[in-house]
Amino acid sequence: MSQLTAEPDSAEKTQLSRLCVAIRGKLQFMDYLVRAAVADAERYRDETDPGTRIFIRQLVEMHAANLRQESQNMRLVGDLCGELEALVDGSFDAPDRGEFA
């Protein structure tokens, strides 16, 4: 019987781990985009060559568009919250998580 209960716990942990890794990756990418956008915006402000300014402006616009897209795709955070709530809601039902025999 312990084998039957071990598989769902393992599957839940695997799903939770995957969500966490995906969220960390998204956040790291968003951090990169924010830093790049701010650095390029500062370069744009200080640049005097019109052609270079056009190029840098396009970079900033690209970073901003990517940030908008990534922020809309952050449903993973909602998925993680659902997994965490499900994990905690079911924690009192499992015999190995604090229930006395």
PDB file of N, CA and C in Angstrom:
ATOM      1  N   MET A   1       0.810  -1.184   0.000  1.00  0.00           N
ATOM      2  CA  MET A   1       0.000   0.000   0.000  1.00  0.00           C
ATOM      3  C   MET A   1       0.862   1.261   0.000  1.00  0.00           C
ATOM      4  N   SER A   2       2.040   1.207   0.610  1.00  0.00           N
ATOM      5  CA  SER A   2       2.904   2.378   0.628  1.00  0.00           C
ATOM      6  C   SER A   2       3.373   2.739  -0.775  1.00  0.00           C
ATOM      7  N   GLN A   3       3.465   1.771  -1.667  1.00  0.00           N
ATOM      8  CA  GLN A   3       3.847   2.065  -3.041  1.00  0.00           C
ATOM      9  C   GLN A   3       2.757   2.883  -3.746  1.00  0.00           C
ATOM     10  N   LEU A   4       1.511   2.615  -3.417  1.00  0.00           N
ATOM     11  CA  LEU A   4       0.417   3.348  -4.045  1.00  0.00           C
ATOM     12  C   LEU A   4       0.405   4.802  -3.624  1.00  0.00           C
ATOM     13  N   THR A   5       0.740   5.056  -2.381  1.00  0.00           N
ATOM     14  CA  THR A   5       0.752   6.443  -1.913  1.00  0.00           C
ATOM     15  C   THR A   5       2.055   7.145  -2.269  1.00  0.00           C
ATOM     16  N   ALA A   6       3.116   6.421  -2.532  1.00  0.00           N
ATOM     17  CA  ALA A   6       4.401   7.037  -2.847  1.00  0.00           C
ATOM     18  C   ALA A   6       4.385   7.673  -4.235  1.00  0.00           C
ATOM     19  N   GLU A   7       3.699   7.071  -5.178  1.00  0.00           N
ATOM     20  CA  GLU A   7       3.701   7.601  -6.535  1.00  0.00           C
ATOM     21  C   GLU A   7       3.051   8.976  -6.649  1.00  0.00           C
ATOM     22  N   PRO A   8       1.867   9.212  -6.083  1.00  0.00           N
ATOM     23  CA  PRO A   8       1.297  10.552  -6.192  1.00  0.00           C
ATOM     24  C   PRO A   8       2.158  11.626  -5.524  1.00  0.00           C
ATOM     25  N   ASP A   9       2.763  11.309  -4.380  1.00  0.00           N
ATOM     26  CA  ASP A   9       3.646  12.276  -3.726  1.00  0.00           C
ATOM     27  C   ASP A   9       4.828  12.607  -4.626  1.00  0.00           C
ATOM     28  N   SER A  10       5.389  11.572  -5.249  1.00  0.00           N
ATOM     29  CA  SER A  10       6.519  11.760  -6.141  1.00  0.00           C
ATOM     30  C   SER A  10       6.106  12.580  -7.365  1.00  0.00           C
ATOM     31  N   ALA A  11       4.932  12.297  -7.906  1.00  0.00           N
ATOM     32  CA  ALA A  11       4.442  13.045  -9.068  1.00  0.00           C
ATOM     33  C   ALA A  11       4.182  14.497  -8.693  1.00  0.00           C
ATOM     34  N   GLU A  12       3.628  14.739  -7.494  1.00  0.00           N
ATOM     35  CA  GLU A  12       3.390  16.112  -7.037  1.00  0.00           C
ATOM     36  C   GLU A  12       4.702  16.869  -6.870  1.00  0.00           C
ATOM     37  N   LYS A  13       5.695  16.191  -6.285  1.00  0.00           N
ATOM     38  CA  LYS A  13       6.996  16.836  -6.090  1.00  0.00           C
ATOM     39  C   LYS A  13       7.653  17.145  -7.428  1.00  0.00           C
ATOM     40  N   THR A  14       7.526  16.222  -8.377  1.00  0.00           N
ATOM     41  CA  THR A  14       8.108  16.439  -9.695  1.00  0.00           C
ATOM     42  C   THR A  14       7.441  17.618 -10.387  1.00  0.00           C
ATOM     43  N   GLN A  15       6.107  17.669 -10.334  1.00  0.00           N
ATOM     44  CA  GLN A  15       5.376  18.783 -10.947  1.00  0.00           C
ATOM     45  C   GLN A  15       5.744  20.102 -10.285  1.00  0.00           C
ATOM     46  N   LEU A  16       5.814  20.120  -8.976  1.00  0.00           N
ATOM     47  CA  LEU A  16       6.175  21.329  -8.241  1.00  0.00           C
ATOM     48  C   LEU A  16       7.592  21.772  -8.601  1.00  0.00           C
ATOM     49  N   SER A  17       8.496  20.824  -8.693  1.00  0.00           N
ATOM     50  CA  SER A  17       9.874  21.131  -9.052  1.00  0.00           C
ATOM     51  C   SER A  17       9.954  21.714 -10.459  1.00  0.00           C
ATOM     52  N   ARG A  18       9.218  21.144 -11.390  1.00  0.00           N
ATOM     53  CA  ARG A  18       9.217  21.656 -12.766  1.00  0.00           C
ATOM     54  C   ARG A  18       8.681  23.080 -12.823  1.00  0.00           C
ATOM     55  N   LEU A  19       7.606  23.334 -12.093  1.00  0.00           N
ATOM     56  CA  LEU A  19       7.049  24.680 -12.070  1.00  0.00           C
ATOM     57  C   LEU A  19       8.049  25.684 -11.505  1.00  0.00           C
ATOM     58  N   CYS A  20       8.720  25.297 -10.428  1.00  0.00           N
ATOM     59  CA  CYS A  20       9.703  26.193  -9.803  1.00  0.00           C
ATOM     60  C   CYS A  20      10.853  26.501 -10.760  1.00  0.00           C
ATOM     61  N   VAL A  21      11.338  25.492 -11.453  1.00  0.00           N
ATOM     62  CA  VAL A  21      12.434  25.697 -12.404  1.00  0.00           C
ATOM     63  C   VAL A  21      11.978  26.608 -13.542  1.00  0.00           C
ATOM     64  N   ALA A  22      10.774  26.381 -14.046  1.00  0.00           N
ATOM     65  CA  ALA A  22      10.251  27.207 -15.130  1.00  0.00           C
ATOM     66  C   ALA A  22      10.095  28.665 -14.688  1.00  0.00           C
ATOM     67  N   ILE A  23       9.596  28.869 -13.482  1.00  0.00           N
ATOM     68  CA  ILE A  23       9.410  30.233 -12.978  1.00  0.00           C
ATOM     69  C   ILE A  23      10.750  30.916 -12.770  1.00  0.00           C
ATOM     70  N   ARG A  24      11.704  30.193 -12.197  1.00  0.00           N
ATOM     71  CA  ARG A  24      13.039  30.790 -12.013  1.00  0.00           C
ATOM     72  C   ARG A  24      13.637  31.205 -13.354  1.00  0.00           C
ATOM     73  N   GLY A  25      13.499  30.361 -14.356  1.00  0.00           N
ATOM     74  CA  GLY A  25      14.019  30.683 -15.684  1.00  0.00           C
ATOM     75  C   GLY A  25      13.358  31.915 -16.263  1.00  0.00           C
ATOM     76  N   LYS A  26      12.028  31.997 -16.132  1.00  0.00           N
ATOM     77  CA  LYS A  26      11.299  33.172 -16.630  1.00  0.00           C
ATOM     78  C   LYS A  26      11.750  34.436 -15.906  1.00  0.00           C
ATOM     79  N   LEU A  27      11.889  34.340 -14.588  1.00  0.00           N
ATOM     80  CA  LEU A  27      12.303  35.512 -13.817  1.00  0.00           C
ATOM     81  C   LEU A  27      13.722  35.953 -14.172  1.00  0.00           C
ATOM     82  N   GLN A  28      14.613  34.990 -14.392  1.00  0.00           N
ATOM     83  CA  GLN A  28      15.973  35.333 -14.784  1.00  0.00           C
ATOM     84  C   GLN A  28      15.985  36.014 -16.153  1.00  0.00           C
ATOM     85  N   PHE A  29      15.168  35.508 -17.074  1.00  0.00           N
ATOM     86  CA  PHE A  29      15.089  36.117 -18.398  1.00  0.00           C
ATOM     87  C   PHE A  29      14.514  37.524 -18.301  1.00  0.00           C
ATOM     88  N   MET A  30      13.475  37.699 -17.480  1.00  0.00           N
ATOM     89  CA  MET A  30      12.893  39.025 -17.309  1.00  0.00           C
ATOM     90  C   MET A  30      13.899  39.979 -16.664  1.00  0.00           C
ATOM     91  N   ASP A  31      14.683  39.496 -15.723  1.00  0.00           N
ATOM     92  CA  ASP A  31      15.714  40.314 -15.101  1.00  0.00           C
ATOM     93  C   ASP A  31      16.720  40.778 -16.154  1.00  0.00           C
ATOM     94  N   TYR A  32      17.120  39.842 -17.027  1.00  0.00           N
ATOM     95  CA  TYR A  32      18.035  40.196 -18.116  1.00  0.00           C
ATOM     96  C   TYR A  32      17.414  41.276 -19.011  1.00  0.00           C
ATOM     97  N   LEU A  33      16.141  41.089 -19.374  1.00  0.00           N
ATOM     98  CA  LEU A  33      15.480  42.061 -20.246  1.00  0.00           C
ATOM     99  C   LEU A  33      15.397  43.439 -19.604  1.00  0.00           C
ATOM    100  N   VAL A  34      15.076  43.488 -18.317  1.00  0.00           N
ATOM    101  CA  VAL A  34      14.985  44.774 -17.617  1.00  0.00           C
ATOM    102  C   VAL A  34      16.345  45.460 -17.600  1.00  0.00           C
ATOM    103  N   ARG A  35      17.376  44.714 -17.243  1.00  0.00           N
ATOM    104  CA  ARG A  35      18.718  45.308 -17.190  1.00  0.00           C
ATOM    105  C   ARG A  35      19.157  45.805 -18.570  1.00  0.00           C
ATOM    106  N   ALA A  36      18.901  44.999 -19.590  1.00  0.00           N
ATOM    107  CA  ALA A  36      19.288  45.382 -20.949  1.00  0.00           C
ATOM    108  C   ALA A  36      18.513  46.607 -21.407  1.00  0.00           C
ATOM    109  N   ALA A  37      17.214  46.661 -21.120  1.00  0.00           N
ATOM    110  CA  ALA A  37      16.397  47.798 -21.539  1.00  0.00           C
ATOM    111  C   ALA A  37      16.864  49.085 -20.864  1.00  0.00           C
ATOM    112  N   VAL A  38      17.134  49.003 -19.571  1.00  0.00           N
ATOM    113  CA  VAL A  38      17.586  50.197 -18.848  1.00  0.00           C
ATOM    114  C   VAL A  38      18.956  50.651 -19.363  1.00  0.00           C
ATOM    115  N   ALA A  39      19.863  49.719 -19.565  1.00  0.00           N
ATOM    116  CA  ALA A  39      21.194  50.076 -20.067  1.00  0.00           C
ATOM    117  C   ALA A  39      21.100  50.686 -21.460  1.00  0.00           C
ATOM    118  N   ASP A  40      20.273  50.096 -22.320  1.00  0.00           N
ATOM    119  CA  ASP A  40      20.133  50.630 -23.669  1.00  0.00           C
ATOM    120  C   ASP A  40      19.433  51.987 -23.666  1.00  0.00           C
ATOM    121  N   ALA A  41      18.479  52.184 -22.776  1.00  0.00           N
ATOM    122  CA  ALA A  41      17.805  53.488 -22.677  1.00  0.00           C
ATOM    123  C   ALA A  41      18.800  54.564 -22.243  1.00  0.00           C
ATOM    124  N   GLU A  42      19.695  54.222 -21.327  1.00  0.00           N
ATOM    125  CA  GLU A  42      20.723  55.177 -20.904  1.00  0.00           C
ATOM    126  C   GLU A  42      21.694  55.463 -22.045  1.00  0.00           C
ATOM    127  N   ARG A  43      22.038  54.429 -22.808  1.00  0.00           N
ATOM    128  CA  ARG A  43      22.906  54.623 -23.982  1.00  0.00           C
ATOM    129  C   ARG A  43      22.222  55.534 -24.994  1.00  0.00           C
ATOM    130  N   TYR A  44      20.922  55.326 -25.187  1.00  0.00           N
ATOM    131  CA  TYR A  44      20.153  56.130 -26.134  1.00  0.00           C
ATOM    132  C   TYR A  44      20.198  57.610 -25.742  1.00  0.00           C
ATOM    133  N   ARG A  45      20.003  57.859 -24.473  1.00  0.00           N
ATOM    134  CA  ARG A  45      19.989  59.231 -23.977  1.00  0.00           C
ATOM    135  C   ARG A  45      21.332  59.924 -24.215  1.00  0.00           C
ATOM    136  N   ASP A  46      22.429  59.184 -24.076  1.00  0.00           N
ATOM    137  CA  ASP A  46      23.765  59.766 -24.191  1.00  0.00           C
ATOM    138  C   ASP A  46      24.322  59.759 -25.617  1.00  0.00           C
ATOM    139  N   GLU A  47      23.687  59.035 -26.514  1.00  0.00           N
ATOM    140  CA  GLU A  47      24.202  58.885 -27.887  1.00  0.00           C
ATOM    141  C   GLU A  47      23.906  60.139 -28.709  1.00  0.00           C
ATOM    142  N   THR A  48      24.892  60.557 -29.518  1.00  0.00           N
ATOM    143  CA  THR A  48      24.711  61.734 -30.362  1.00  0.00           C
ATOM    144  C   THR A  48      24.525  61.383 -31.831  1.00  0.00           C
ATOM    145  N   ASP A  49      24.981  60.229 -32.253  1.00  0.00           N
ATOM    146  CA  ASP A  49      24.853  59.826 -33.656  1.00  0.00           C
ATOM    147  C   ASP A  49      23.413  59.396 -33.956  1.00  0.00           C
ATOM    148  N   PRO A  50      22.750  60.028 -34.934  1.00  0.00           N
ATOM    149  CA  PRO A  50      21.349  59.710 -35.224  1.00  0.00           C
ATOM    150  C   PRO A  50      21.112  58.247 -35.627  1.00  0.00           C
ATOM    151  N   GLY A  51      21.999  57.693 -36.418  1.00  0.00           N
ATOM    152  CA  GLY A  51      21.844  56.294 -36.847  1.00  0.00           C
ATOM    153  C   GLY A  51      21.952  55.330 -35.675  1.00  0.00           C
ATOM    154  N   THR A  52      22.892  55.573 -34.796  1.00  0.00           N
ATOM    155  CA  THR A  52      23.056  54.736 -33.612  1.00  0.00           C
ATOM    156  C   THR A  52      21.867  54.891 -32.679  1.00  0.00           C
ATOM    157  N   ARG A  53      21.344  56.110 -32.574  1.00  0.00           N
ATOM    158  CA  ARG A  53      20.161  56.343 -31.735  1.00  0.00           C
ATOM    159  C   ARG A  53      18.959  55.541 -32.250  1.00  0.00           C
ATOM    160  N   ILE A  54      18.797  55.498 -33.567  1.00  0.00           N
ATOM    161  CA  ILE A  54      17.695  54.713 -34.143  1.00  0.00           C
ATOM    162  C   ILE A  54      17.865  53.244 -33.783  1.00  0.00           C
ATOM    163  N   PHE A  55      19.089  52.731 -33.933  1.00  0.00           N
ATOM    164  CA  PHE A  55      19.357  51.329 -33.613  1.00  0.00           C
ATOM    165  C   PHE A  55      19.087  51.034 -32.134  1.00  0.00           C
ATOM    166  N   ILE A  56      19.576  51.902 -31.252  1.00  0.00           N
ATOM    167  CA  ILE A  56      19.387  51.685 -29.814  1.00  0.00           C
ATOM    168  C   ILE A  56      17.907  51.782 -29.457  1.00  0.00           C
ATOM    169  N   ARG A  57      17.190  52.716 -30.067  1.00  0.00           N
ATOM    170  CA  ARG A  57      15.751  52.831 -29.812  1.00  0.00           C
ATOM    171  C   ARG A  57      15.029  51.537 -30.203  1.00  0.00           C
ATOM    172  N   GLN A  58      15.417  50.945 -31.313  1.00  0.00           N
ATOM    173  CA  GLN A  58      14.823  49.673 -31.721  1.00  0.00           C
ATOM    174  C   GLN A  58      15.131  48.563 -30.714  1.00  0.00           C
ATOM    175  N   LEU A  59      16.328  48.570 -30.145  1.00  0.00           N
ATOM    176  CA  LEU A  59      16.675  47.590 -29.108  1.00  0.00           C
ATOM    177  C   LEU A  59      15.783  47.756 -27.878  1.00  0.00           C
ATOM    178  N   VAL A  60      15.608  49.013 -27.453  1.00  0.00           N
ATOM    179  CA  VAL A  60      14.769  49.284 -26.281  1.00  0.00           C
ATOM    180  C   VAL A  60      13.334  48.839 -26.561  1.00  0.00           C
ATOM    181  N   GLU A  61      12.829  49.148 -27.739  1.00  0.00           N
ATOM    182  CA  GLU A  61      11.473  48.729 -28.098  1.00  0.00           C
ATOM    183  C   GLU A  61      11.345  47.216 -28.120  1.00  0.00           C
ATOM    184  N   MET A  62      12.368  46.528 -28.605  1.00  0.00           N
ATOM    185  CA  MET A  62      12.364  45.063 -28.622  1.00  0.00           C
ATOM    186  C   MET A  62      12.354  44.511 -27.193  1.00  0.00           C
ATOM    187  N   HIS A  63      13.184  45.074 -26.321  1.00  0.00           N
ATOM    188  CA  HIS A  63      13.203  44.622 -24.926  1.00  0.00           C
ATOM    189  C   HIS A  63      11.844  44.844 -24.266  1.00  0.00           C
ATOM    190  N   ALA A  64      11.250  46.008 -24.514  1.00  0.00           N
ATOM    191  CA  ALA A  64       9.950  46.321 -23.917  1.00  0.00           C
ATOM    192  C   ALA A  64       8.876  45.349 -24.424  1.00  0.00           C
ATOM    193  N   ALA A  65       8.894  45.045 -25.709  1.00  0.00           N
ATOM    194  CA  ALA A  65       7.913  44.098 -26.264  1.00  0.00           C
ATOM    195  C   ALA A  65       8.097  42.710 -25.655  1.00  0.00           C
ATOM    196  N   ASN A  66       9.338  42.290 -25.500  1.00  0.00           N
ATOM    197  CA  ASN A  66       9.606  40.983 -24.881  1.00  0.00           C
ATOM    198  C   ASN A  66       9.154  40.954 -23.425  1.00  0.00           C
ATOM    199  N   LEU A  67       9.392  42.045 -22.709  1.00  0.00           N
ATOM    200  CA  LEU A  67       8.948  42.113 -21.313  1.00  0.00           C
ATOM    201  C   LEU A  67       7.435  42.050 -21.215  1.00  0.00           C
ATOM    202  N   ARG A  68       6.744  42.755 -22.100  1.00  0.00           N
ATOM    203  CA  ARG A  68       5.277  42.685 -22.101  1.00  0.00           C
ATOM    204  C   ARG A  68       4.808  41.254 -22.335  1.00  0.00           C
ATOM    205  N   GLN A  69       5.415  40.595 -23.317  1.00  0.00           N
ATOM    206  CA  GLN A  69       5.030  39.221 -23.641  1.00  0.00           C
ATOM    207  C   GLN A  69       5.308  38.284 -22.469  1.00  0.00           C
ATOM    208  N   GLU A  70       6.471  38.400 -21.870  1.00  0.00           N
ATOM    209  CA  GLU A  70       6.827  37.535 -20.747  1.00  0.00           C
ATOM    210  C   GLU A  70       5.926  37.774 -19.545  1.00  0.00           C
ATOM    211  N   SER A  71       5.563  39.013 -19.300  1.00  0.00           N
ATOM    212  CA  SER A  71       4.702  39.284 -18.150  1.00  0.00           C
ATOM    213  C   SER A  71       3.311  38.710 -18.365  1.00  0.00           C
ATOM    214  N   GLN A  72       2.850  38.663 -19.601  1.00  0.00           N
ATOM    215  CA  GLN A  72       1.556  38.052 -19.892  1.00  0.00           C
ATOM    216  C   GLN A  72       1.620  36.526 -19.771  1.00  0.00           C
ATOM    217  N   ASN A  73       2.785  35.958 -19.944  1.00  0.00           N
ATOM    218  CA  ASN A  73       2.950  34.506 -19.887  1.00  0.00           C
ATOM    219  C   ASN A  73       3.265  34.001 -18.483  1.00  0.00           C
ATOM    220  N   MET A  74       3.109  34.810 -17.481  1.00  0.00           N
ATOM    221  CA  MET A  74       3.463  34.395 -16.127  1.00  0.00           C
ATOM    222  C   MET A  74       2.343  33.623 -15.432  1.00  0.00           C
ATOM    223  N   ARG A  75       1.494  32.966 -16.197  1.00  0.00           N
ATOM    224  CA  ARG A  75       0.465  32.114 -15.601  1.00  0.00           C
ATOM    225  C   ARG A  75       1.094  30.987 -14.809  1.00  0.00           C
ATOM    226  N   LEU A  76       2.389  30.738 -15.048  1.00  0.00           N
ATOM    227  CA  LEU A  76       3.095  29.702 -14.287  1.00  0.00           C
ATOM    228  C   LEU A  76       3.076  30.003 -12.793  1.00  0.00           C
ATOM    229  N   VAL A  77       3.106  31.271 -12.437  1.00  0.00           N
ATOM    230  CA  VAL A  77       3.065  31.639 -11.019  1.00  0.00           C
ATOM    231  C   VAL A  77       1.726  31.217 -10.427  1.00  0.00           C
ATOM    232  N   GLY A  78       0.646  31.420 -11.171  1.00  0.00           N
ATOM    233  CA  GLY A  78      -0.671  30.967 -10.722  1.00  0.00           C
ATOM    234  C   GLY A  78      -0.718  29.458 -10.586  1.00  0.00           C
ATOM    235  N   ASP A  79      -0.099  28.750 -11.534  1.00  0.00           N
ATOM    236  CA  ASP A  79      -0.032  27.288 -11.452  1.00  0.00           C
ATOM    237  C   ASP A  79       0.723  26.848 -10.205  1.00  0.00           C
ATOM    238  N   LEU A  80       1.828  27.516  -9.924  1.00  0.00           N
ATOM    239  CA  LEU A  80       2.611  27.184  -8.733  1.00  0.00           C
ATOM    240  C   LEU A  80       1.795  27.416  -7.472  1.00  0.00           C
ATOM    241  N   CYS A  81       1.077  28.531  -7.420  1.00  0.00           N
ATOM    242  CA  CYS A  81       0.247  28.819  -6.242  1.00  0.00           C
ATOM    243  C   CYS A  81      -0.814  27.737  -6.068  1.00  0.00           C
ATOM    244  N   GLY A  82      -1.409  27.297  -7.160  1.00  0.00           N
ATOM    245  CA  GLY A  82      -2.393  26.219  -7.086  1.00  0.00           C
ATOM    246  C   GLY A  82      -1.784  24.933  -6.569  1.00  0.00           C
ATOM    247  N   GLU A  83      -0.599  24.599  -7.051  1.00  0.00           N
ATOM    248  CA  GLU A  83       0.095  23.388  -6.583  1.00  0.00           C
ATOM    249  C   GLU A  83       0.425  23.492  -5.096  1.00  0.00           C
ATOM    250  N   LEU A  84       0.912  24.640  -4.686  1.00  0.00           N
ATOM    251  CA  LEU A  84       1.266  24.825  -3.273  1.00  0.00           C
ATOM    252  C   LEU A  84       0.030  24.733  -2.380  1.00  0.00           C
ATOM    253  N   GLU A  85      -1.060  25.363  -2.804  1.00  0.00           N
ATOM    254  CA  GLU A  85      -2.289  25.298  -2.014  1.00  0.00           C
ATOM    255  C   GLU A  85      -2.830  23.882  -1.947  1.00  0.00           C
ATOM    256  N   ALA A  86      -2.753  23.156  -3.053  1.00  0.00           N
ATOM    257  CA  ALA A  86      -3.209  21.764  -3.059  1.00  0.00           C
ATOM    258  C   ALA A  86      -2.344  20.915  -2.141  1.00  0.00           C
ATOM    259  N   LEU A  87      -1.057  21.195  -2.139  1.00  0.00           N
ATOM    260  CA  LEU A  87      -0.134  20.453  -1.285  1.00  0.00           C
ATOM    261  C   LEU A  87      -0.464  20.691   0.180  1.00  0.00           C
ATOM    262  N   VAL A  88      -0.732  21.925   0.547  1.00  0.00           N
ATOM    263  CA  VAL A  88      -1.008  22.251   1.946  1.00  0.00           C
ATOM    264  C   VAL A  88      -2.415  21.796   2.333  1.00  0.00           C
ATOM    265  N   ASP A  89      -3.368  21.946   1.440  1.00  0.00           N
ATOM    266  CA  ASP A  89      -4.733  21.529   1.757  1.00  0.00           C
ATOM    267  C   ASP A  89      -4.824  20.042   2.036  1.00  0.00           C
ATOM    268  N   GLY A  90      -4.036  19.241   1.352  1.00  0.00           N
ATOM    269  CA  GLY A  90      -4.073  17.804   1.554  1.00  0.00           C
ATOM    270  C   GLY A  90      -3.097  17.300   2.591  1.00  0.00           C
ATOM    271  N   SER A  91      -2.353  18.191   3.227  1.00  0.00           N
ATOM    272  CA  SER A  91      -1.288  17.753   4.131  1.00  0.00           C
ATOM    273  C   SER A  91      -1.810  17.053   5.381  1.00  0.00           C
ATOM    274  N   PHE A  92      -3.015  17.351   5.822  1.00  0.00           N
ATOM    275  CA  PHE A  92      -3.521  16.722   7.038  1.00  0.00           C
ATOM    276  C   PHE A  92      -4.110  15.348   6.770  1.00  0.00           C
ATOM    277  N   ASP A  93      -4.338  15.023   5.505  1.00  0.00           N
ATOM    278  CA  ASP A  93      -4.911  13.729   5.162  1.00  0.00           C
ATOM    279  C   ASP A  93      -3.864  12.625   5.079  1.00  0.00           C
ATOM    280  N   ALA A  94      -2.626  13.000   4.875  1.00  0.00           N
ATOM    281  CA  ALA A  94      -1.582  11.991   4.683  1.00  0.00           C
ATOM    282  C   ALA A  94      -1.064  11.506   6.032  1.00  0.00           C
ATOM    283  N   PRO A  95      -0.946  10.182   6.211  1.00  0.00           N
ATOM    284  CA  PRO A  95      -0.497   9.643   7.499  1.00  0.00           C
ATOM    285  C   PRO A  95       0.942   9.995   7.835  1.00  0.00           C
ATOM    286  N   ASP A  96       1.802  10.196   6.851  1.00  0.00           N
ATOM    287  CA  ASP A  96       3.213  10.449   7.142  1.00  0.00           C
ATOM    288  C   ASP A  96       3.498  11.926   7.341  1.00  0.00           C
ATOM    289  N   ARG A  97       2.500  12.778   7.402  1.00  0.00           N
ATOM    290  CA  ARG A  97       2.728  14.208   7.540  1.00  0.00           C
ATOM    291  C   ARG A  97       2.142  14.760   8.830  1.00  0.00           C
ATOM    292  N   GLY A  98       2.356  14.106   9.896  1.00  0.00           N
ATOM    293  CA  GLY A  98       1.972  14.670  11.174  1.00  0.00           C
ATOM    294  C   GLY A  98       0.769  14.021  11.837  1.00  0.00           C
ATOM    295  N   GLU A  99       0.090  13.133  11.163  1.00  0.00           N
ATOM    296  CA  GLU A  99      -1.064  12.480  11.797  1.00  0.00           C
ATOM    297  C   GLU A  99      -0.554  11.323  12.642  1.00  0.00           C
ATOM    298  N   PHE A 100      -1.067  11.200  13.847  1.00  0.00           N
ATOM    299  CA  PHE A 100      -0.594  10.152  14.745  1.00  0.00           C
ATOM    300  C   PHE A 100      -1.408   8.878  14.523  1.00  0.00           C
ATOM    301  N   ALA A 101      -0.696   7.765  14.522  1.00  0.00           N
ATOM    302  CA  ALA A 101      -1.359   6.465  14.314  1.00  0.00           C
ATOM    303  C   ALA A 101      -1.943   5.922  15.593  1.00  0.00           C
TER     304      ALA A 101
END
